[in-house]
């Protein structure tokens, strides 16, 4: 067992323990990922990635969404952990939605609060309310696992609207590549597959707007769309940038370039100008499947 791995599991107390899982209440010891206990344990490299259960929400059809994010304890080191024995979800029927690319601690300029919130969701079908979904990462022989379930009332999150904050998840529509439209974090908003070549710019164009809702929100003055690699074998660079502030309802165009051939999933998180992360609402996750040829 390597030093540092135990530190992340024991001192940070965010529901991670080698070879086992802690109850959800263990995650509440630190109010927010920017707490001093977490910041003290950051290093440029050599630290693990901690999977985090961000909460659950009911869906109109009787199912429930479980939302997961992560905290990379490195300020500089990017970790890529392929799906398989070092990155898996149990029960296995939920496996495959999770990321394999883990960015280092974001800067304040990037709009996040020191970690990445709810980057994917899994859906518990009606009748499976007692089921636990566990995401495990193994790094340098050490296991970090977090359970997600709906048995903790304090982990219930509002989705896709939060009237108390006059906050709503933006409506995102894929334009290029063509695809569906939707809002929220349930993981169903997926475009592609689309094919491009190594080094060729791939157009990624979406529309982001305020949805029709009973929420007293008066509309968006500004929204942001942050593009990132979710899975894939090589590097992806976004141009002009992987984050943009745009007026309500505008189309957003960025371009992605890929360093290696293979299958990729890109993720965009869109939200109204105020940071939604600490309040756990509201934003929209959307994904693009990309096949990159040599």
C-alpha atoms as a PDB file:
ATOM      1  CA  UNK A   1       0.000   0.000   0.000  1.00  0.00           C
ATOM      2  CA  UNK A   2       1.528   3.291  -1.076  1.00  0.00           C
ATOM      3  CA  UNK A   3       1.690   6.404   1.094  1.00  0.00           C
ATOM      4  CA  UNK A   4      -0.492   9.204  -0.267  1.00  0.00           C
ATOM      5  CA  UNK A   5      -3.273   6.796  -1.220  1.00  0.00           C
ATOM      6  CA  UNK A   6      -4.100   6.207   2.432  1.00  0.00           C
ATOM      7  CA  UNK A   7      -3.861   9.962   3.022  1.00  0.00           C
ATOM      8  CA  UNK A   8      -6.479  10.624   0.372  1.00  0.00           C
ATOM      9  CA  UNK A   9      -8.804   8.021   1.836  1.00  0.00           C
ATOM     10  CA  UNK A  10      -8.333   8.749   5.522  1.00  0.00           C
ATOM     11  CA  UNK A  11      -7.594  12.437   5.928  1.00  0.00           C
ATOM     12  CA  UNK A  12      -9.888  13.782   3.232  1.00  0.00           C
ATOM     13  CA  UNK A  13     -12.790  11.681   4.488  1.00  0.00           C
ATOM     14  CA  UNK A  14     -14.820  11.901   1.304  1.00  0.00           C
ATOM     15  CA  UNK A  15     -16.247   8.427   1.133  1.00  0.00           C
ATOM     16  CA  UNK A  16     -13.160   6.687  -0.151  1.00  0.00           C
ATOM     17  CA  UNK A  17     -11.445   3.713   1.442  1.00  0.00           C
ATOM     18  CA  UNK A  18      -9.036   1.167   0.029  1.00  0.00           C
ATOM     19  CA  UNK A  19     -10.838  -2.074  -0.846  1.00  0.00           C
ATOM     20  CA  UNK A  20     -14.157  -0.845   0.599  1.00  0.00           C
ATOM     21  CA  UNK A  21     -16.624   2.022   0.715  1.00  0.00           C
ATOM     22  CA  UNK A  22     -17.695   4.426   3.442  1.00  0.00           C
ATOM     23  CA  UNK A  23     -21.283   5.537   4.073  1.00  0.00           C
ATOM     24  CA  UNK A  24     -22.497   8.686   2.369  1.00  0.00           C
ATOM     25  CA  UNK A  25     -22.328  10.654   5.614  1.00  0.00           C
ATOM     26  CA  UNK A  26     -18.533  10.510   5.433  1.00  0.00           C
ATOM     27  CA  UNK A  27     -18.632  12.830   2.450  1.00  0.00           C
ATOM     28  CA  UNK A  28     -20.247  15.655   4.422  1.00  0.00           C
ATOM     29  CA  UNK A  29     -17.251  16.348   6.670  1.00  0.00           C
ATOM     30  CA  UNK A  30     -15.840  18.945   4.291  1.00  0.00           C
ATOM     31  CA  UNK A  31     -18.185  21.717   3.116  1.00  0.00           C
ATOM     32  CA  UNK A  32     -17.209  21.996  -0.520  1.00  0.00           C
ATOM     33  CA  UNK A  33     -14.183  20.874  -2.467  1.00  0.00           C
ATOM     34  CA  UNK A  34     -12.347  24.149  -1.804  1.00  0.00           C
ATOM     35  CA  UNK A  35     -12.142  23.495   1.934  1.00  0.00           C
ATOM     36  CA  UNK A  36      -8.710  23.884   3.570  1.00  0.00           C
ATOM     37  CA  UNK A  37      -8.523  20.163   4.388  1.00  0.00           C
ATOM     38  CA  UNK A  38      -8.557  19.349   0.678  1.00  0.00           C
ATOM     39  CA  UNK A  39      -6.309  22.179  -0.439  1.00  0.00           C
ATOM     40  CA  UNK A  40      -3.605  21.147   2.031  1.00  0.00           C
ATOM     41  CA  UNK A  41      -3.357  17.755   0.346  1.00  0.00           C
ATOM     42  CA  UNK A  42      -2.932  19.023  -3.197  1.00  0.00           C
ATOM     43  CA  UNK A  43       0.374  18.351  -4.949  1.00  0.00           C
ATOM     44  CA  UNK A  44       1.602  18.987  -8.510  1.00  0.00           C
ATOM     45  CA  UNK A  45       1.642  15.226  -9.179  1.00  0.00           C
ATOM     46  CA  UNK A  46       1.653  11.816  -7.538  1.00  0.00           C
ATOM     47  CA  UNK A  47      -1.802  12.042  -5.952  1.00  0.00           C
ATOM     48  CA  UNK A  48      -4.878   9.963  -6.846  1.00  0.00           C
ATOM     49  CA  UNK A  49      -8.258  10.837  -8.316  1.00  0.00           C
ATOM     50  CA  UNK A  50     -11.162  10.511  -5.901  1.00  0.00           C
ATOM     51  CA  UNK A  51     -14.596   9.497  -7.258  1.00  0.00           C
ATOM     52  CA  UNK A  52     -17.412  11.468  -5.604  1.00  0.00           C
ATOM     53  CA  UNK A  53     -21.145  10.903  -5.369  1.00  0.00           C
ATOM     54  CA  UNK A  54     -22.763  14.317  -5.865  1.00  0.00           C
ATOM     55  CA  UNK A  55     -26.382  13.399  -5.178  1.00  0.00           C
ATOM     56  CA  UNK A  56     -29.586  11.907  -6.548  1.00  0.00           C
ATOM     57  CA  UNK A  57     -32.815  13.207  -8.011  1.00  0.00           C
ATOM     58  CA  UNK A  58     -36.215  11.720  -8.928  1.00  0.00           C
ATOM     59  CA  UNK A  59     -37.372  11.663 -12.551  1.00  0.00           C
ATOM     60  CA  UNK A  60     -40.959  12.087 -13.794  1.00  0.00           C
ATOM     61  CA  UNK A  61     -41.109   8.456 -14.999  1.00  0.00           C
ATOM     62  CA  UNK A  62     -40.398   7.073 -11.516  1.00  0.00           C
ATOM     63  CA  UNK A  63     -36.704   6.410 -12.107  1.00  0.00           C
ATOM     64  CA  UNK A  64     -33.900   8.124 -10.201  1.00  0.00           C
ATOM     65  CA  UNK A  65     -30.699   9.735 -11.406  1.00  0.00           C
ATOM     66  CA  UNK A  66     -27.411   9.266  -9.527  1.00  0.00           C
ATOM     67  CA  UNK A  67     -24.846  11.973 -10.196  1.00  0.00           C
ATOM     68  CA  UNK A  68     -21.068  11.407  -9.923  1.00  0.00           C
ATOM     69  CA  UNK A  69     -18.067  13.732 -10.157  1.00  0.00           C
ATOM     70  CA  UNK A  70     -14.387  13.550  -9.284  1.00  0.00           C
ATOM     71  CA  UNK A  71     -11.593  15.354  -7.507  1.00  0.00           C
ATOM     72  CA  UNK A  72      -8.071  15.074  -8.926  1.00  0.00           C
ATOM     73  CA  UNK A  73      -5.681  15.837  -6.060  1.00  0.00           C
ATOM     74  CA  UNK A  74      -3.004  16.935  -8.533  1.00  0.00           C
ATOM     75  CA  UNK A  75      -2.620  20.547  -9.604  1.00  0.00           C
ATOM     76  CA  UNK A  76      -0.677  19.631 -12.757  1.00  0.00           C
ATOM     77  CA  UNK A  77      -0.908  15.906 -13.487  1.00  0.00           C
ATOM     78  CA  UNK A  78      -3.601  14.632 -15.839  1.00  0.00           C
ATOM     79  CA  UNK A  79      -4.615  11.025 -15.275  1.00  0.00           C
ATOM     80  CA  UNK A  80      -6.112   8.716 -17.895  1.00  0.00           C
ATOM     81  CA  UNK A  81      -7.621   5.509 -16.506  1.00  0.00           C
ATOM     82  CA  UNK A  82      -9.243   3.289 -19.168  1.00  0.00           C
ATOM     83  CA  UNK A  83     -12.483   1.452 -18.555  1.00  0.00           C
ATOM     84  CA  UNK A  84     -11.759  -1.963 -17.094  1.00  0.00           C
ATOM     85  CA  UNK A  85     -10.263  -3.327 -13.880  1.00  0.00           C
ATOM     86  CA  UNK A  86      -8.972   0.108 -12.832  1.00  0.00           C
ATOM     87  CA  UNK A  87     -12.120   2.089 -13.647  1.00  0.00           C
ATOM     88  CA  UNK A  88     -15.455   0.325 -13.302  1.00  0.00           C
ATOM     89  CA  UNK A  89     -18.983   0.597 -11.968  1.00  0.00           C
ATOM     90  CA  UNK A  90     -20.964  -2.105 -10.218  1.00  0.00           C
ATOM     91  CA  UNK A  91     -23.543  -3.465 -10.936  1.00  0.00           C
ATOM     92  CA  UNK A  92     -21.978  -3.957 -14.357  1.00  0.00           C
ATOM     93  CA  UNK A  93     -25.096  -2.920 -16.270  1.00  0.00           C
ATOM     94  CA  UNK A  94     -24.311   0.679 -15.249  1.00  0.00           C
ATOM     95  CA  UNK A  95     -20.647   0.446 -16.266  1.00  0.00           C
ATOM     96  CA  UNK A  96     -19.382   2.578 -19.149  1.00  0.00           C
ATOM     97  CA  UNK A  97     -20.857   6.029 -18.531  1.00  0.00           C
ATOM     98  CA  UNK A  98     -17.933   7.217 -16.402  1.00  0.00           C
ATOM     99  CA  UNK A  99     -15.000   9.291 -17.670  1.00  0.00           C
ATOM    100  CA  UNK A 100     -11.515   7.929 -18.280  1.00  0.00           C
ATOM    101  CA  UNK A 101      -9.832  11.357 -18.525  1.00  0.00           C
ATOM    102  CA  UNK A 102      -9.266  13.231 -15.283  1.00  0.00           C
ATOM    103  CA  UNK A 103      -8.110  16.812 -15.461  1.00  0.00           C
ATOM    104  CA  UNK A 104      -6.029  18.361 -12.693  1.00  0.00           C
ATOM    105  CA  UNK A 105      -7.441  20.776 -10.135  1.00  0.00           C
ATOM    106  CA  UNK A 106      -9.130  23.579 -12.096  1.00  0.00           C
ATOM    107  CA  UNK A 107      -8.214  27.188 -11.577  1.00  0.00           C
ATOM    108  CA  UNK A 108     -10.833  29.686 -10.409  1.00  0.00           C
ATOM    109  CA  UNK A 109     -10.680  31.199 -13.886  1.00  0.00           C
ATOM    110  CA  UNK A 110     -12.050  27.944 -15.290  1.00  0.00           C
ATOM    111  CA  UNK A 111     -15.280  28.422 -13.366  1.00  0.00           C
ATOM    112  CA  UNK A 112     -15.094  25.342 -11.128  1.00  0.00           C
ATOM    113  CA  UNK A 113     -14.728  25.110  -7.361  1.00  0.00           C
ATOM    114  CA  UNK A 114     -11.519  23.066  -7.215  1.00  0.00           C
ATOM    115  CA  UNK A 115     -13.108  19.867  -8.562  1.00  0.00           C
ATOM    116  CA  UNK A 116     -15.422  18.567 -11.294  1.00  0.00           C
ATOM    117  CA  UNK A 117     -19.077  18.157 -10.375  1.00  0.00           C
ATOM    118  CA  UNK A 118     -21.528  15.607 -11.750  1.00  0.00           C
ATOM    119  CA  UNK A 119     -19.698  14.786 -14.971  1.00  0.00           C
ATOM    120  CA  UNK A 120     -21.964  11.772 -15.577  1.00  0.00           C
ATOM    121  CA  UNK A 121     -25.138  10.165 -14.261  1.00  0.00           C
ATOM    122  CA  UNK A 122     -26.627   6.693 -14.117  1.00  0.00           C
ATOM    123  CA  UNK A 123     -30.353   6.018 -13.962  1.00  0.00           C
ATOM    124  CA  UNK A 124     -31.951   3.637 -11.483  1.00  0.00           C
ATOM    125  CA  UNK A 125     -35.108   2.255 -13.132  1.00  0.00           C
ATOM    126  CA  UNK A 126     -38.399   2.239 -11.211  1.00  0.00           C
ATOM    127  CA  UNK A 127     -38.491  -0.501  -8.604  1.00  0.00           C
ATOM    128  CA  UNK A 128     -34.720  -0.443  -7.896  1.00  0.00           C
ATOM    129  CA  UNK A 129     -34.798   2.179  -5.139  1.00  0.00           C
ATOM    130  CA  UNK A 130     -32.764  -0.014  -2.753  1.00  0.00           C
ATOM    131  CA  UNK A 131     -29.923  -0.563  -5.207  1.00  0.00           C
ATOM    132  CA  UNK A 132     -26.426   0.806  -4.624  1.00  0.00           C
ATOM    133  CA  UNK A 133     -24.208   1.830  -7.536  1.00  0.00           C
ATOM    134  CA  UNK A 134     -20.486   1.852  -6.754  1.00  0.00           C
ATOM    135  CA  UNK A 135     -17.812   3.594  -8.864  1.00  0.00           C
ATOM    136  CA  UNK A 136     -14.259   2.352  -8.265  1.00  0.00           C
ATOM    137  CA  UNK A 137     -10.918   3.776  -9.433  1.00  0.00           C
ATOM    138  CA  UNK A 138      -7.655   1.899  -8.874  1.00  0.00           C
ATOM    139  CA  UNK A 139      -4.441   3.918  -8.981  1.00  0.00           C
ATOM    140  CA  UNK A 140      -0.985   2.512  -8.176  1.00  0.00           C
ATOM    141  CA  UNK A 141      -2.593  -0.583  -6.697  1.00  0.00           C
ATOM    142  CA  UNK A 142      -4.859   1.391  -4.367  1.00  0.00           C
ATOM    143  CA  UNK A 143      -8.651   1.350  -4.721  1.00  0.00           C
ATOM    144  CA  UNK A 144     -10.943   4.352  -4.248  1.00  0.00           C
ATOM    145  CA  UNK A 145     -14.668   3.659  -4.353  1.00  0.00           C
ATOM    146  CA  UNK A 146     -17.833   5.626  -3.739  1.00  0.00           C
ATOM    147  CA  UNK A 147     -21.418   4.331  -3.410  1.00  0.00           C
ATOM    148  CA  UNK A 148     -24.391   6.113  -4.917  1.00  0.00           C
ATOM    149  CA  UNK A 149     -27.959   5.465  -3.803  1.00  0.00           C
ATOM    150  CA  UNK A 150     -31.157   7.285  -2.909  1.00  0.00           C
ATOM    151  CA  UNK A 151     -31.338   6.284   0.759  1.00  0.00           C
ATOM    152  CA  UNK A 152     -29.705   9.516   2.006  1.00  0.00           C
ATOM    153  CA  UNK A 153     -32.306  12.334   2.019  1.00  0.00           C
ATOM    154  CA  UNK A 154     -29.621  14.995   2.452  1.00  0.00           C
ATOM    155  CA  UNK A 155     -28.174  13.987  -0.922  1.00  0.00           C
ATOM    156  CA  UNK A 156     -31.343  14.767  -2.849  1.00  0.00           C
ATOM    157  CA  UNK A 157     -30.660  17.471  -5.451  1.00  0.00           C
ATOM    158  CA  UNK A 158     -33.013  19.618  -7.493  1.00  0.00           C
ATOM    159  CA  UNK A 159     -33.061  18.818 -11.193  1.00  0.00           C
ATOM    160  CA  UNK A 160     -33.349  20.450 -13.670  1.00  0.00           C
ATOM    161  CA  UNK A 161     -34.726  23.587 -11.933  1.00  0.00           C
ATOM    162  CA  UNK A 162     -34.019  25.175  -8.579  1.00  0.00           C
ATOM    163  CA  UNK A 163     -36.716  27.762  -7.876  1.00  0.00           C
ATOM    164  CA  UNK A 164     -35.093  28.842  -4.607  1.00  0.00           C
ATOM    165  CA  UNK A 165     -32.130  30.209  -6.537  1.00  0.00           C
ATOM    166  CA  UNK A 166     -34.105  31.146  -9.658  1.00  0.00           C
ATOM    167  CA  UNK A 167     -31.804  28.732 -11.463  1.00  0.00           C
ATOM    168  CA  UNK A 168     -32.615  26.460 -14.391  1.00  0.00           C
ATOM    169  CA  UNK A 169     -30.617  24.100 -16.565  1.00  0.00           C
ATOM    170  CA  UNK A 170     -30.099  25.518 -20.080  1.00  0.00           C
ATOM    171  CA  UNK A 171     -31.703  23.921 -23.094  1.00  0.00           C
ATOM    172  CA  UNK A 172     -28.903  22.556 -25.286  1.00  0.00           C
ATOM    173  CA  UNK A 173     -29.428  21.535 -28.902  1.00  0.00           C
ATOM    174  CA  UNK A 174     -26.817  19.883 -31.110  1.00  0.00           C
ATOM    175  CA  UNK A 175     -26.455  21.589 -34.485  1.00  0.00           C
ATOM    176  CA  UNK A 176     -23.175  20.188 -35.837  1.00  0.00           C
ATOM    177  CA  UNK A 177     -23.065  17.273 -35.543  1.00  0.00           C
ATOM    178  CA  UNK A 178     -26.842  17.150 -35.670  1.00  0.00           C
ATOM    179  CA  UNK A 179     -28.417  15.659 -32.609  1.00  0.00           C
ATOM    180  CA  UNK A 180     -31.097  15.894 -29.942  1.00  0.00           C
ATOM    181  CA  UNK A 181     -31.953  18.709 -27.576  1.00  0.00           C
ATOM    182  CA  UNK A 182     -32.541  18.568 -23.861  1.00  0.00           C
ATOM    183  CA  UNK A 183     -31.627  19.899 -20.459  1.00  0.00           C
ATOM    184  CA  UNK A 184     -30.284  18.580 -17.180  1.00  0.00           C
ATOM    185  CA  UNK A 185     -27.757  16.006 -16.076  1.00  0.00           C
ATOM    186  CA  UNK A 186     -29.405  12.660 -16.756  1.00  0.00           C
ATOM    187  CA  UNK A 187     -26.794  11.682 -19.349  1.00  0.00           C
ATOM    188  CA  UNK A 188     -29.267  11.087 -22.178  1.00  0.00           C
ATOM    189  CA  UNK A 189     -28.192  14.038 -24.348  1.00  0.00           C
ATOM    190  CA  UNK A 190     -25.827  12.365 -26.803  1.00  0.00           C
ATOM    191  CA  UNK A 191     -24.855  13.201 -30.392  1.00  0.00           C
ATOM    192  CA  UNK A 192     -22.906  11.240 -32.972  1.00  0.00           C
ATOM    193  CA  UNK A 193     -21.117   9.133 -33.772  1.00  0.00           C
ATOM    194  CA  UNK A 194     -19.204  11.467 -36.059  1.00  0.00           C
ATOM    195  CA  UNK A 195     -15.914  10.726 -37.832  1.00  0.00           C
ATOM    196  CA  UNK A 196     -12.850  12.907 -38.248  1.00  0.00           C
ATOM    197  CA  UNK A 197      -9.123  12.426 -38.812  1.00  0.00           C
ATOM    198  CA  UNK A 198      -6.096  12.968 -36.597  1.00  0.00           C
ATOM    199  CA  UNK A 199      -5.227  16.663 -36.645  1.00  0.00           C
ATOM    200  CA  UNK A 200      -8.356  17.654 -38.565  1.00  0.00           C
ATOM    201  CA  UNK A 201     -10.559  20.279 -36.885  1.00  0.00           C
ATOM    202  CA  UNK A 202     -13.966  18.899 -35.941  1.00  0.00           C
ATOM    203  CA  UNK A 203     -16.767  21.461 -35.766  1.00  0.00           C
ATOM    204  CA  UNK A 204     -18.798  21.340 -32.559  1.00  0.00           C
ATOM    205  CA  UNK A 205     -21.773  23.669 -32.768  1.00  0.00           C
ATOM    206  CA  UNK A 206     -24.572  23.848 -30.220  1.00  0.00           C
ATOM    207  CA  UNK A 207     -27.405  26.189 -29.323  1.00  0.00           C
ATOM    208  CA  UNK A 208     -27.792  27.156 -25.658  1.00  0.00           C
ATOM    209  CA  UNK A 209     -30.907  28.952 -24.438  1.00  0.00           C
ATOM    210  CA  UNK A 210     -33.242  29.414 -21.491  1.00  0.00           C
ATOM    211  CA  UNK A 211     -35.980  26.749 -21.530  1.00  0.00           C
ATOM    212  CA  UNK A 212     -39.675  27.355 -21.054  1.00  0.00           C
ATOM    213  CA  UNK A 213     -40.318  26.700 -17.361  1.00  0.00           C
ATOM    214  CA  UNK A 214     -42.512  27.742 -14.462  1.00  0.00           C
ATOM    215  CA  UNK A 215     -39.391  28.832 -12.599  1.00  0.00           C
ATOM    216  CA  UNK A 216     -39.485  32.621 -11.904  1.00  0.00           C
ATOM    217  CA  UNK A 217     -36.084  32.924 -13.578  1.00  0.00           C
ATOM    218  CA  UNK A 218     -36.331  35.873 -15.967  1.00  0.00           C
ATOM    219  CA  UNK A 219     -34.019  34.430 -18.628  1.00  0.00           C
ATOM    220  CA  UNK A 220     -30.313  34.153 -19.198  1.00  0.00           C
ATOM    221  CA  UNK A 221     -28.130  37.198 -19.587  1.00  0.00           C
ATOM    222  CA  UNK A 222     -25.081  35.021 -20.143  1.00  0.00           C
ATOM    223  CA  UNK A 223     -24.400  31.310 -20.358  1.00  0.00           C
ATOM    224  CA  UNK A 224     -21.170  29.325 -20.460  1.00  0.00           C
ATOM    225  CA  UNK A 225     -20.319  26.169 -22.364  1.00  0.00           C
ATOM    226  CA  UNK A 226     -17.262  24.199 -21.234  1.00  0.00           C
ATOM    227  CA  UNK A 227     -15.928  21.481 -23.570  1.00  0.00           C
ATOM    228  CA  UNK A 228     -13.726  18.678 -22.243  1.00  0.00           C
ATOM    229  CA  UNK A 229     -12.581  15.212 -23.185  1.00  0.00           C
ATOM    230  CA  UNK A 230     -14.638  12.584 -21.364  1.00  0.00           C
ATOM    231  CA  UNK A 231     -12.991   9.463 -22.796  1.00  0.00           C
ATOM    232  CA  UNK A 232     -10.462   8.655 -25.488  1.00  0.00           C
ATOM    233  CA  UNK A 233      -6.899   7.480 -26.131  1.00  0.00           C
ATOM    234  CA  UNK A 234      -5.251  10.788 -27.110  1.00  0.00           C
ATOM    235  CA  UNK A 235      -5.238  14.495 -26.385  1.00  0.00           C
ATOM    236  CA  UNK A 236      -8.052  16.789 -27.511  1.00  0.00           C
ATOM    237  CA  UNK A 237      -7.536  20.519 -27.933  1.00  0.00           C
ATOM    238  CA  UNK A 238     -10.480  22.890 -28.260  1.00  0.00           C
ATOM    239  CA  UNK A 239     -10.349  26.162 -30.183  1.00  0.00           C
ATOM    240  CA  UNK A 240     -10.839  29.025 -29.647  1.00  0.00           C
ATOM    241  CA  UNK A 241     -11.210  27.851 -26.061  1.00  0.00           C
ATOM    242  CA  UNK A 242     -12.819  25.146 -23.957  1.00  0.00           C
ATOM    243  CA  UNK A 243     -14.988  27.690 -22.183  1.00  0.00           C
ATOM    244  CA  UNK A 244     -17.038  30.581 -23.517  1.00  0.00           C
ATOM    245  CA  UNK A 245     -19.392  33.235 -22.229  1.00  0.00           C
ATOM    246  CA  UNK A 246     -22.189  33.814 -24.701  1.00  0.00           C
ATOM    247  CA  UNK A 247     -25.483  35.755 -24.812  1.00  0.00           C
ATOM    248  CA  UNK A 248     -28.680  33.800 -24.276  1.00  0.00           C
ATOM    249  CA  UNK A 249     -29.799  31.808 -27.287  1.00  0.00           C
ATOM    250  CA  UNK A 250     -26.660  32.177 -29.387  1.00  0.00           C
ATOM    251  CA  UNK A 251     -25.144  29.343 -31.299  1.00  0.00           C
ATOM    252  CA  UNK A 252     -21.733  28.325 -29.995  1.00  0.00           C
ATOM    253  CA  UNK A 253     -19.039  27.034 -32.316  1.00  0.00           C
ATOM    254  CA  UNK A 254     -15.798  25.478 -31.188  1.00  0.00           C
ATOM    255  CA  UNK A 255     -13.452  23.026 -32.900  1.00  0.00           C
ATOM    256  CA  UNK A 256     -11.732  19.984 -31.509  1.00  0.00           C
ATOM    257  CA  UNK A 257      -8.489  18.429 -32.736  1.00  0.00           C
ATOM    258  CA  UNK A 258      -7.376  14.921 -31.836  1.00  0.00           C
ATOM    259  CA  UNK A 259      -3.811  13.701 -31.425  1.00  0.00           C
ATOM    260  CA  UNK A 260      -4.425   9.960 -31.870  1.00  0.00           C
ATOM    261  CA  UNK A 261      -6.894   7.688 -33.658  1.00  0.00           C
ATOM    262  CA  UNK A 262      -9.569   5.859 -31.697  1.00  0.00           C
ATOM    263  CA  UNK A 263     -12.990   6.276 -30.149  1.00  0.00           C
ATOM    264  CA  UNK A 264     -13.686   9.355 -28.038  1.00  0.00           C
ATOM    265  CA  UNK A 265     -16.496  10.871 -26.022  1.00  0.00           C
ATOM    266  CA  UNK A 266     -16.534  14.649 -25.592  1.00  0.00           C
ATOM    267  CA  UNK A 267     -18.475  16.379 -22.828  1.00  0.00           C
ATOM    268  CA  UNK A 268     -19.908  19.880 -22.716  1.00  0.00           C
ATOM    269  CA  UNK A 269     -21.382  21.377 -19.554  1.00  0.00           C
ATOM    270  CA  UNK A 270     -23.589  24.412 -20.106  1.00  0.00           C
ATOM    271  CA  UNK A 271     -24.838  26.726 -17.375  1.00  0.00           C
ATOM    272  CA  UNK A 272     -26.126  30.212 -16.750  1.00  0.00           C
ATOM    273  CA  UNK A 273     -23.458  32.788 -15.830  1.00  0.00           C
ATOM    274  CA  UNK A 274     -23.449  32.146 -12.097  1.00  0.00           C
ATOM    275  CA  UNK A 275     -21.435  29.142 -10.970  1.00  0.00           C
ATOM    276  CA  UNK A 276     -23.895  26.315 -10.192  1.00  0.00           C
ATOM    277  CA  UNK A 277     -21.424  23.860  -8.689  1.00  0.00           C
ATOM    278  CA  UNK A 278     -21.621  24.555  -4.971  1.00  0.00           C
ATOM    279  CA  UNK A 279     -25.425  24.656  -5.016  1.00  0.00           C
ATOM    280  CA  UNK A 280     -25.560  21.483  -7.181  1.00  0.00           C
ATOM    281  CA  UNK A 281     -27.913  23.142  -9.674  1.00  0.00           C
ATOM    282  CA  UNK A 282     -28.437  23.840 -12.436  1.00  0.00           C
ATOM    283  CA  UNK A 283     -26.590  22.845 -15.586  1.00  0.00           C
ATOM    284  CA  UNK A 284     -26.827  20.553 -18.606  1.00  0.00           C
ATOM    285  CA  UNK A 285     -24.453  17.735 -19.540  1.00  0.00           C
ATOM    286  CA  UNK A 286     -24.216  16.817 -23.222  1.00  0.00           C
ATOM    287  CA  UNK A 287     -21.910  14.349 -24.976  1.00  0.00           C
ATOM    288  CA  UNK A 288     -20.593  13.647 -28.476  1.00  0.00           C
ATOM    289  CA  UNK A 289     -19.297  10.260 -29.692  1.00  0.00           C
ATOM    290  CA  UNK A 290     -16.358  10.710 -32.080  1.00  0.00           C
ATOM    291  CA  UNK A 291     -14.377   8.176 -34.121  1.00  0.00           C
ATOM    292  CA  UNK A 292     -10.939   9.461 -35.120  1.00  0.00           C
ATOM    293  CA  UNK A 293      -9.177   7.834 -38.068  1.00  0.00           C
ATOM    294  CA  UNK A 294      -5.398   7.874 -38.712  1.00  0.00           C
END
